[in-house]
């Protein structure tokens, strides 16, 4: 899930699949001060495909979700036992 940068400095993609309703994905800007740029709320089963750019250097994911990256798969949030 990477991009070689031919789209104006665009970077890696990640995919987030909400495993519960109310998962939030927040883009964080780069620079001298980190700022929250955009927040998206996902319902259970929804998938959000996001791309790191020259403006977005990090993403915060809150809630139970599966995150797919070029480096592997991560599951966020608490898992019910």
PDB file of N, CA and C in Angstrom:
ATOM      1  N   UNK A   1       0.818  -1.181   0.000  1.00  0.00           N
ATOM      2  CA  UNK A   1       0.000   0.000   0.000  1.00  0.00           C
ATOM      3  C   UNK A   1       0.865   1.249   0.000  1.00  0.00           C
ATOM      4  N   UNK A   2       1.810   1.307  -0.885  1.00  0.00           N
ATOM      5  CA  UNK A   2       2.644   2.494  -0.961  1.00  0.00           C
ATOM      6  C   UNK A   2       2.492   3.147  -2.310  1.00  0.00           C
ATOM      7  N   UNK A   3       2.935   4.369  -2.367  1.00  0.00           N
ATOM      8  CA  UNK A   3       2.909   5.149  -3.586  1.00  0.00           C
ATOM      9  C   UNK A   3       4.306   5.728  -3.737  1.00  0.00           C
ATOM     10  N   UNK A   4       4.861   5.630  -4.901  1.00  0.00           N
ATOM     11  CA  UNK A   4       6.240   6.072  -5.093  1.00  0.00           C
ATOM     12  C   UNK A   4       6.413   7.581  -5.041  1.00  0.00           C
ATOM     13  N   UNK A   5       5.316   8.326  -4.901  1.00  0.00           N
ATOM     14  CA  UNK A   5       5.430   9.766  -4.762  1.00  0.00           C
ATOM     15  C   UNK A   5       5.180  10.527  -6.048  1.00  0.00           C
ATOM     16  N   UNK A   6       4.696   9.859  -7.100  1.00  0.00           N
ATOM     17  CA  UNK A   6       4.479  10.564  -8.359  1.00  0.00           C
ATOM     18  C   UNK A   6       3.285  11.505  -8.314  1.00  0.00           C
ATOM     19  N   UNK A   7       2.517  11.498  -7.232  1.00  0.00           N
ATOM     20  CA  UNK A   7       1.353  12.365  -7.115  1.00  0.00           C
ATOM     21  C   UNK A   7       1.643  13.571  -6.234  1.00  0.00           C
ATOM     22  N   UNK A   8       2.674  14.317  -6.547  1.00  0.00           N
ATOM     23  CA  UNK A   8       2.947  15.548  -5.821  1.00  0.00           C
ATOM     24  C   UNK A   8       3.406  15.342  -4.391  1.00  0.00           C
ATOM     25  N   UNK A   9       4.212  14.319  -4.135  1.00  0.00           N
ATOM     26  CA  UNK A   9       4.731  14.108  -2.791  1.00  0.00           C
ATOM     27  C   UNK A   9       3.847  13.240  -1.922  1.00  0.00           C
ATOM     28  N   UNK A  10       2.792  12.653  -2.504  1.00  0.00           N
ATOM     29  CA  UNK A  10       1.900  11.798  -1.733  1.00  0.00           C
ATOM     30  C   UNK A  10       2.642  10.556  -1.273  1.00  0.00           C
ATOM     31  N   UNK A  11       2.223  10.014  -0.135  1.00  0.00           N
ATOM     32  CA  UNK A  11       2.927   8.881   0.455  1.00  0.00           C
ATOM     33  C   UNK A  11       2.086   7.651   0.625  1.00  0.00           C
ATOM     34  N   UNK A  12       2.412   6.902   1.672  1.00  0.00           N
ATOM     35  CA  UNK A  12       1.767   5.625   1.957  1.00  0.00           C
ATOM     36  C   UNK A  12       0.270   5.759   2.194  1.00  0.00           C
ATOM     37  N   UNK A  13      -0.439   4.687   1.817  1.00  0.00           N
ATOM     38  CA  UNK A  13      -1.862   4.561   2.110  1.00  0.00           C
ATOM     39  C   UNK A  13      -2.013   3.628   3.302  1.00  0.00           C
ATOM     40  N   UNK A  14      -3.083   3.838   4.082  1.00  0.00           N
ATOM     41  CA  UNK A  14      -3.490   2.859   5.075  1.00  0.00           C
ATOM     42  C   UNK A  14      -4.992   2.654   4.917  1.00  0.00           C
ATOM     43  N   UNK A  15      -5.456   1.479   5.291  1.00  0.00           N
ATOM     44  CA  UNK A  15      -6.883   1.186   5.277  1.00  0.00           C
ATOM     45  C   UNK A  15      -7.313   0.897   6.706  1.00  0.00           C
ATOM     46  N   UNK A  16      -8.429   1.483   7.121  1.00  0.00           N
ATOM     47  CA  UNK A  16      -8.960   1.292   8.464  1.00  0.00           C
ATOM     48  C   UNK A  16     -10.359   0.715   8.334  1.00  0.00           C
ATOM     49  N   UNK A  17     -10.593  -0.433   8.960  1.00  0.00           N
ATOM     50  CA  UNK A  17     -11.930  -1.032   8.970  1.00  0.00           C
ATOM     51  C   UNK A  17     -12.455  -0.987  10.393  1.00  0.00           C
ATOM     52  N   UNK A  18     -13.599  -0.323  10.582  1.00  0.00           N
ATOM     53  CA  UNK A  18     -14.208  -0.212  11.903  1.00  0.00           C
ATOM     54  C   UNK A  18     -14.801  -1.558  12.315  1.00  0.00           C
ATOM     55  N   UNK A  19     -14.397  -2.040  13.484  1.00  0.00           N
ATOM     56  CA  UNK A  19     -14.929  -3.289  14.022  1.00  0.00           C
ATOM     57  C   UNK A  19     -16.029  -3.019  15.039  1.00  0.00           C
ATOM     58  N   UNK A  20     -16.318  -1.739  15.281  1.00  0.00           N
ATOM     59  CA  UNK A  20     -17.427  -1.302  16.127  1.00  0.00           C
ATOM     60  C   UNK A  20     -17.855   0.077  15.624  1.00  0.00           C
ATOM     61  N   UNK A  21     -19.033   0.502  15.991  1.00  0.00           N
ATOM     62  CA  UNK A  21     -19.493   1.846  15.620  1.00  0.00           C
ATOM     63  C   UNK A  21     -18.801   2.893  16.476  1.00  0.00           C
ATOM     64  N   UNK A  22     -18.553   4.056  15.903  1.00  0.00           N
ATOM     65  CA  UNK A  22     -17.968   5.164  16.636  1.00  0.00           C
ATOM     66  C   UNK A  22     -16.453   5.250  16.575  1.00  0.00           C
ATOM     67  N   UNK A  23     -15.811   4.492  15.690  1.00  0.00           N
ATOM     68  CA  UNK A  23     -14.357   4.587  15.526  1.00  0.00           C
ATOM     69  C   UNK A  23     -14.035   5.946  14.910  1.00  0.00           C
ATOM     70  N   UNK A  24     -13.041   6.645  15.458  1.00  0.00           N
ATOM     71  CA  UNK A  24     -12.640   7.931  14.893  1.00  0.00           C
ATOM     72  C   UNK A  24     -11.220   7.845  14.348  1.00  0.00           C
ATOM     73  N   UNK A  25     -11.032   8.484  13.198  1.00  0.00           N
ATOM     74  CA  UNK A  25      -9.723   8.573  12.556  1.00  0.00           C
ATOM     75  C   UNK A  25      -9.421  10.064  12.436  1.00  0.00           C
ATOM     76  N   UNK A  26      -8.285  10.492  12.993  1.00  0.00           N
ATOM     77  CA  UNK A  26      -7.916  11.904  12.993  1.00  0.00           C
ATOM     78  C   UNK A  26      -6.562  12.073  12.325  1.00  0.00           C
ATOM     79  N   UNK A  27      -6.488  12.965  11.344  1.00  0.00           N
ATOM     80  CA  UNK A  27      -5.232  13.298  10.686  1.00  0.00           C
ATOM     81  C   UNK A  27      -4.510  14.382  11.455  1.00  0.00           C
ATOM     82  N   UNK A  28      -3.208  14.209  11.646  1.00  0.00           N
ATOM     83  CA  UNK A  28      -2.397  15.161  12.393  1.00  0.00           C
ATOM     84  C   UNK A  28      -1.391  15.791  11.432  1.00  0.00           C
ATOM     85  N   UNK A  29      -1.277  17.125  11.482  1.00  0.00           N
ATOM     86  CA  UNK A  29      -0.389  17.844  10.567  1.00  0.00           C
ATOM     87  C   UNK A  29       1.061  17.730  11.012  1.00  0.00           C
ATOM     88  N   UNK A  30       1.955  17.998  10.080  1.00  0.00           N
ATOM     89  CA  UNK A  30       3.385  18.062  10.408  1.00  0.00           C
ATOM     90  C   UNK A  30       3.787  19.511  10.512  1.00  0.00           C
ATOM     91  N   UNK A  31       4.923  19.765  11.134  1.00  0.00           N
ATOM     92  CA  UNK A  31       5.420  21.126  11.255  1.00  0.00           C
ATOM     93  C   UNK A  31       5.863  21.417  12.669  1.00  0.00           C
ATOM     94  N   UNK A  32       6.083  22.692  12.950  1.00  0.00           N
ATOM     95  CA  UNK A  32       6.551  23.107  14.278  1.00  0.00           C
ATOM     96  C   UNK A  32       5.536  22.742  15.357  1.00  0.00           C
ATOM     97  N   UNK A  33       4.246  22.847  15.033  1.00  0.00           N
ATOM     98  CA  UNK A  33       3.177  22.475  15.955  1.00  0.00           C
ATOM     99  C   UNK A  33       2.312  21.422  15.291  1.00  0.00           C
ATOM    100  N   UNK A  34       2.082  20.314  15.986  1.00  0.00           N
ATOM    101  CA  UNK A  34       1.164  19.297  15.462  1.00  0.00           C
ATOM    102  C   UNK A  34      -0.264  19.759  15.747  1.00  0.00           C
ATOM    103  N   UNK A  35      -1.101  19.680  14.720  1.00  0.00           N
ATOM    104  CA  UNK A  35      -2.506  20.066  14.857  1.00  0.00           C
ATOM    105  C   UNK A  35      -3.381  18.979  14.265  1.00  0.00           C
ATOM    106  N   UNK A  36      -4.577  18.836  14.842  1.00  0.00           N
ATOM    107  CA  UNK A  36      -5.552  17.910  14.291  1.00  0.00           C
ATOM    108  C   UNK A  36      -6.191  18.585  13.086  1.00  0.00           C
ATOM    109  N   UNK A  37      -6.095  17.935  11.924  1.00  0.00           N
ATOM    110  CA  UNK A  37      -6.569  18.552  10.694  1.00  0.00           C
ATOM    111  C   UNK A  37      -7.984  18.116  10.328  1.00  0.00           C
ATOM    112  N   UNK A  38      -8.258  16.832  10.457  1.00  0.00           N
ATOM    113  CA  UNK A  38      -9.547  16.301  10.019  1.00  0.00           C
ATOM    114  C   UNK A  38      -9.886  15.080  10.849  1.00  0.00           C
ATOM    115  N   UNK A  39     -11.143  14.944  11.248  1.00  0.00           N
ATOM    116  CA  UNK A  39     -11.602  13.764  11.979  1.00  0.00           C
ATOM    117  C   UNK A  39     -12.768  13.145  11.237  1.00  0.00           C
ATOM    118  N   UNK A  40     -12.709  11.843  11.093  1.00  0.00           N
ATOM    119  CA  UNK A  40     -13.777  11.080  10.431  1.00  0.00           C
ATOM    120  C   UNK A  40     -14.288  10.043  11.410  1.00  0.00           C
ATOM    121  N   UNK A  41     -15.613   9.887  11.505  1.00  0.00           N
ATOM    122  CA  UNK A  41     -16.213   8.893  12.390  1.00  0.00           C
ATOM    123  C   UNK A  41     -16.759   7.757  11.529  1.00  0.00           C
ATOM    124  N   UNK A  42     -16.386   6.515  11.897  1.00  0.00           N
ATOM    125  CA  UNK A  42     -16.798   5.343  11.135  1.00  0.00           C
ATOM    126  C   UNK A  42     -17.794   4.497  11.920  1.00  0.00           C
ATOM    127  N   UNK A  43     -18.745   3.936  11.210  1.00  0.00           N
ATOM    128  CA  UNK A  43     -19.684   2.977  11.787  1.00  0.00           C
ATOM    129  C   UNK A  43     -19.147   1.564  11.555  1.00  0.00           C
ATOM    130  N   UNK A  44     -19.626   0.611  12.321  1.00  0.00           N
ATOM    131  CA  UNK A  44     -19.151  -0.770  12.210  1.00  0.00           C
ATOM    132  C   UNK A  44     -19.225  -1.270  10.765  1.00  0.00           C
ATOM    133  N   UNK A  45     -18.118  -1.835  10.299  1.00  0.00           N
ATOM    134  CA  UNK A  45     -18.044  -2.374   8.952  1.00  0.00           C
ATOM    135  C   UNK A  45     -17.572  -1.391   7.898  1.00  0.00           C
ATOM    136  N   UNK A  46     -17.573  -0.092   8.202  1.00  0.00           N
ATOM    137  CA  UNK A  46     -17.104   0.890   7.233  1.00  0.00           C
ATOM    138  C   UNK A  46     -15.588   0.839   7.106  1.00  0.00           C
ATOM    139  N   UNK A  47     -15.112   1.157   5.906  1.00  0.00           N
ATOM    140  CA  UNK A  47     -13.674   1.177   5.630  1.00  0.00           C
ATOM    141  C   UNK A  47     -13.291   2.571   5.167  1.00  0.00           C
ATOM    142  N   UNK A  48     -12.189   3.066   5.710  1.00  0.00           N
ATOM    143  CA  UNK A  48     -11.652   4.373   5.344  1.00  0.00           C
ATOM    144  C   UNK A  48     -10.248   4.143   4.804  1.00  0.00           C
ATOM    145  N   UNK A  49      -9.986   4.610   3.592  1.00  0.00           N
ATOM    146  CA  UNK A  49      -8.652   4.506   3.011  1.00  0.00           C
ATOM    147  C   UNK A  49      -8.055   5.904   3.038  1.00  0.00           C
ATOM    148  N   UNK A  50      -6.909   6.026   3.689  1.00  0.00           N
ATOM    149  CA  UNK A  50      -6.291   7.333   3.897  1.00  0.00           C
ATOM    150  C   UNK A  50      -4.867   7.321   3.355  1.00  0.00           C
ATOM    151  N   UNK A  51      -4.370   8.510   3.073  1.00  0.00           N
ATOM    152  CA  UNK A  51      -3.032   8.637   2.509  1.00  0.00           C
ATOM    153  C   UNK A  51      -2.242   9.687   3.291  1.00  0.00           C
ATOM    154  N   UNK A  52      -0.995   9.344   3.621  1.00  0.00           N
ATOM    155  CA  UNK A  52      -0.104  10.328   4.213  1.00  0.00           C
ATOM    156  C   UNK A  52       0.327  11.287   3.105  1.00  0.00           C
ATOM    157  N   UNK A  53       0.372  12.571   3.418  1.00  0.00           N
ATOM    158  CA  UNK A  53       0.694  13.594   2.420  1.00  0.00           C
ATOM    159  C   UNK A  53       1.771  14.524   2.967  1.00  0.00           C
ATOM    160  N   UNK A  54       2.080  15.555   2.213  1.00  0.00           N
ATOM    161  CA  UNK A  54       3.042  16.534   2.698  1.00  0.00           C
ATOM    162  C   UNK A  54       2.493  17.293   3.901  1.00  0.00           C
ATOM    163  N   UNK A  55       1.177  17.253   4.131  1.00  0.00           N
ATOM    164  CA  UNK A  55       0.563  17.950   5.262  1.00  0.00           C
ATOM    165  C   UNK A  55       0.205  17.021   6.418  1.00  0.00           C
ATOM    166  N   UNK A  56      -0.109  15.769   6.131  1.00  0.00           N
ATOM    167  CA  UNK A  56      -0.498  14.802   7.160  1.00  0.00           C
ATOM    168  C   UNK A  56       0.671  13.867   7.436  1.00  0.00           C
ATOM    169  N   UNK A  57       1.155  13.888   8.688  1.00  0.00           N
ATOM    170  CA  UNK A  57       2.301  13.050   9.033  1.00  0.00           C
ATOM    171  C   UNK A  57       1.939  11.932   9.998  1.00  0.00           C
ATOM    172  N   UNK A  58       0.749  11.991  10.596  1.00  0.00           N
ATOM    173  CA  UNK A  58       0.339  10.967  11.553  1.00  0.00           C
ATOM    174  C   UNK A  58      -1.180  10.863  11.560  1.00  0.00           C
ATOM    175  N   UNK A  59      -1.667   9.713  12.034  1.00  0.00           N
ATOM    176  CA  UNK A  59      -3.104   9.518  12.201  1.00  0.00           C
ATOM    177  C   UNK A  59      -3.357   8.885  13.551  1.00  0.00           C
ATOM    178  N   UNK A  60      -4.395   9.364  14.201  1.00  0.00           N
ATOM    179  CA  UNK A  60      -4.805   8.816  15.481  1.00  0.00           C
ATOM    180  C   UNK A  60      -6.099   8.054  15.250  1.00  0.00           C
ATOM    181  N   UNK A  61      -6.149   6.811  15.732  1.00  0.00           N
ATOM    182  CA  UNK A  61      -7.335   5.980  15.549  1.00  0.00           C
ATOM    183  C   UNK A  61      -7.842   5.593  16.925  1.00  0.00           C
ATOM    184  N   UNK A  62      -9.084   5.938  17.203  1.00  0.00           N
ATOM    185  CA  UNK A  62      -9.689   5.643  18.495  1.00  0.00           C
ATOM    186  C   UNK A  62     -10.860   4.701  18.282  1.00  0.00           C
ATOM    187  N   UNK A  63     -10.872   3.603  19.021  1.00  0.00           N
ATOM    188  CA  UNK A  63     -11.932   2.617  18.922  1.00  0.00           C
ATOM    189  C   UNK A  63     -11.392   1.305  18.372  1.00  0.00           C
ATOM    190  N   UNK A  64     -12.255   0.323  18.272  1.00  0.00           N
ATOM    191  CA  UNK A  64     -11.864  -1.015  17.828  1.00  0.00           C
ATOM    192  C   UNK A  64     -11.895  -1.071  16.300  1.00  0.00           C
ATOM    193  N   UNK A  65     -10.700  -1.163  15.715  1.00  0.00           N
ATOM    194  CA  UNK A  65     -10.570  -1.150  14.258  1.00  0.00           C
ATOM    195  C   UNK A  65      -9.402  -2.020  13.825  1.00  0.00           C
ATOM    196  N   UNK A  66      -9.454  -2.448  12.585  1.00  0.00           N
ATOM    197  CA  UNK A  66      -8.344  -3.155  11.956  1.00  0.00           C
ATOM    198  C   UNK A  66      -7.666  -2.161  11.029  1.00  0.00           C
ATOM    199  N   UNK A  67      -6.340  -2.034  11.159  1.00  0.00           N
ATOM    200  CA  UNK A  67      -5.572  -1.088  10.363  1.00  0.00           C
ATOM    201  C   UNK A  67      -4.595  -1.871   9.500  1.00  0.00           C
ATOM    202  N   UNK A  68      -4.690  -1.683   8.187  1.00  0.00           N
ATOM    203  CA  UNK A  68      -3.809  -2.372   7.246  1.00  0.00           C
ATOM    204  C   UNK A  68      -2.829  -1.371   6.661  1.00  0.00           C
ATOM    205  N   UNK A  69      -1.531  -1.690   6.759  1.00  0.00           N
ATOM    206  CA  UNK A  69      -0.486  -0.826   6.227  1.00  0.00           C
ATOM    207  C   UNK A  69       0.461  -1.663   5.375  1.00  0.00           C
ATOM    208  N   UNK A  70       1.388  -1.004   4.727  1.00  0.00           N
ATOM    209  CA  UNK A  70       2.414  -1.710   3.960  1.00  0.00           C
ATOM    210  C   UNK A  70       3.313  -2.522   4.877  1.00  0.00           C
ATOM    211  N   UNK A  71       3.301  -2.206   6.162  1.00  0.00           N
ATOM    212  CA  UNK A  71       4.173  -2.859   7.135  1.00  0.00           C
ATOM    213  C   UNK A  71       3.492  -3.987   7.891  1.00  0.00           C
ATOM    214  N   UNK A  72       2.193  -4.159   7.682  1.00  0.00           N
ATOM    215  CA  UNK A  72       1.462  -5.224   8.356  1.00  0.00           C
ATOM    216  C   UNK A  72       0.086  -4.771   8.804  1.00  0.00           C
ATOM    217  N   UNK A  73      -0.498  -5.568   9.680  1.00  0.00           N
ATOM    218  CA  UNK A  73      -1.855  -5.339  10.163  1.00  0.00           C
ATOM    219  C   UNK A  73      -1.813  -5.112  11.675  1.00  0.00           C
ATOM    220  N   UNK A  74      -2.590  -4.133  12.130  1.00  0.00           N
ATOM    221  CA  UNK A  74      -2.671  -3.797  13.555  1.00  0.00           C
ATOM    222  C   UNK A  74      -4.141  -3.728  13.918  1.00  0.00           C
ATOM    223  N   UNK A  75      -4.493  -4.167  15.122  1.00  0.00           N
ATOM    224  CA  UNK A  75      -5.846  -4.017  15.596  1.00  0.00           C
ATOM    225  C   UNK A  75      -5.833  -3.040  16.767  1.00  0.00           C
ATOM    226  N   UNK A  76      -6.658  -2.011  16.678  1.00  0.00           N
ATOM    227  CA  UNK A  76      -6.697  -0.987  17.728  1.00  0.00           C
ATOM    228  C   UNK A  76      -7.883  -1.222  18.638  1.00  0.00           C
ATOM    229  N   UNK A  77      -7.843  -0.588  19.790  1.00  0.00           N
ATOM    230  CA  UNK A  77      -8.969  -0.619  20.726  1.00  0.00           C
ATOM    231  C   UNK A  77      -9.003  -1.876  21.559  1.00  0.00           C
ATOM    232  N   UNK A  78      -9.892  -1.838  22.531  1.00  0.00           N
ATOM    233  CA  UNK A  78     -10.070  -2.962  23.442  1.00  0.00           C
ATOM    234  C   UNK A  78     -10.850  -4.072  22.757  1.00  0.00           C
ATOM    235  N   UNK A  79     -10.419  -5.275  23.010  1.00  0.00           N
ATOM    236  CA  UNK A  79     -11.122  -6.434  22.485  1.00  0.00           C
ATOM    237  C   UNK A  79     -11.949  -7.043  23.616  1.00  0.00           C
ATOM    238  N   UNK A  80     -13.204  -7.336  23.329  1.00  0.00           N
ATOM    239  CA  UNK A  80     -14.057  -7.957  24.340  1.00  0.00           C
ATOM    240  C   UNK A  80     -13.650  -9.400  24.524  1.00  0.00           C
ATOM    241  N   UNK A  81     -13.692  -9.842  25.774  1.00  0.00           N
ATOM    242  CA  UNK A  81     -13.299 -11.225  26.095  1.00  0.00           C
ATOM    243  C   UNK A  81     -14.500 -12.094  26.278  1.00  0.00           C
TER     244      UNK A  81
END
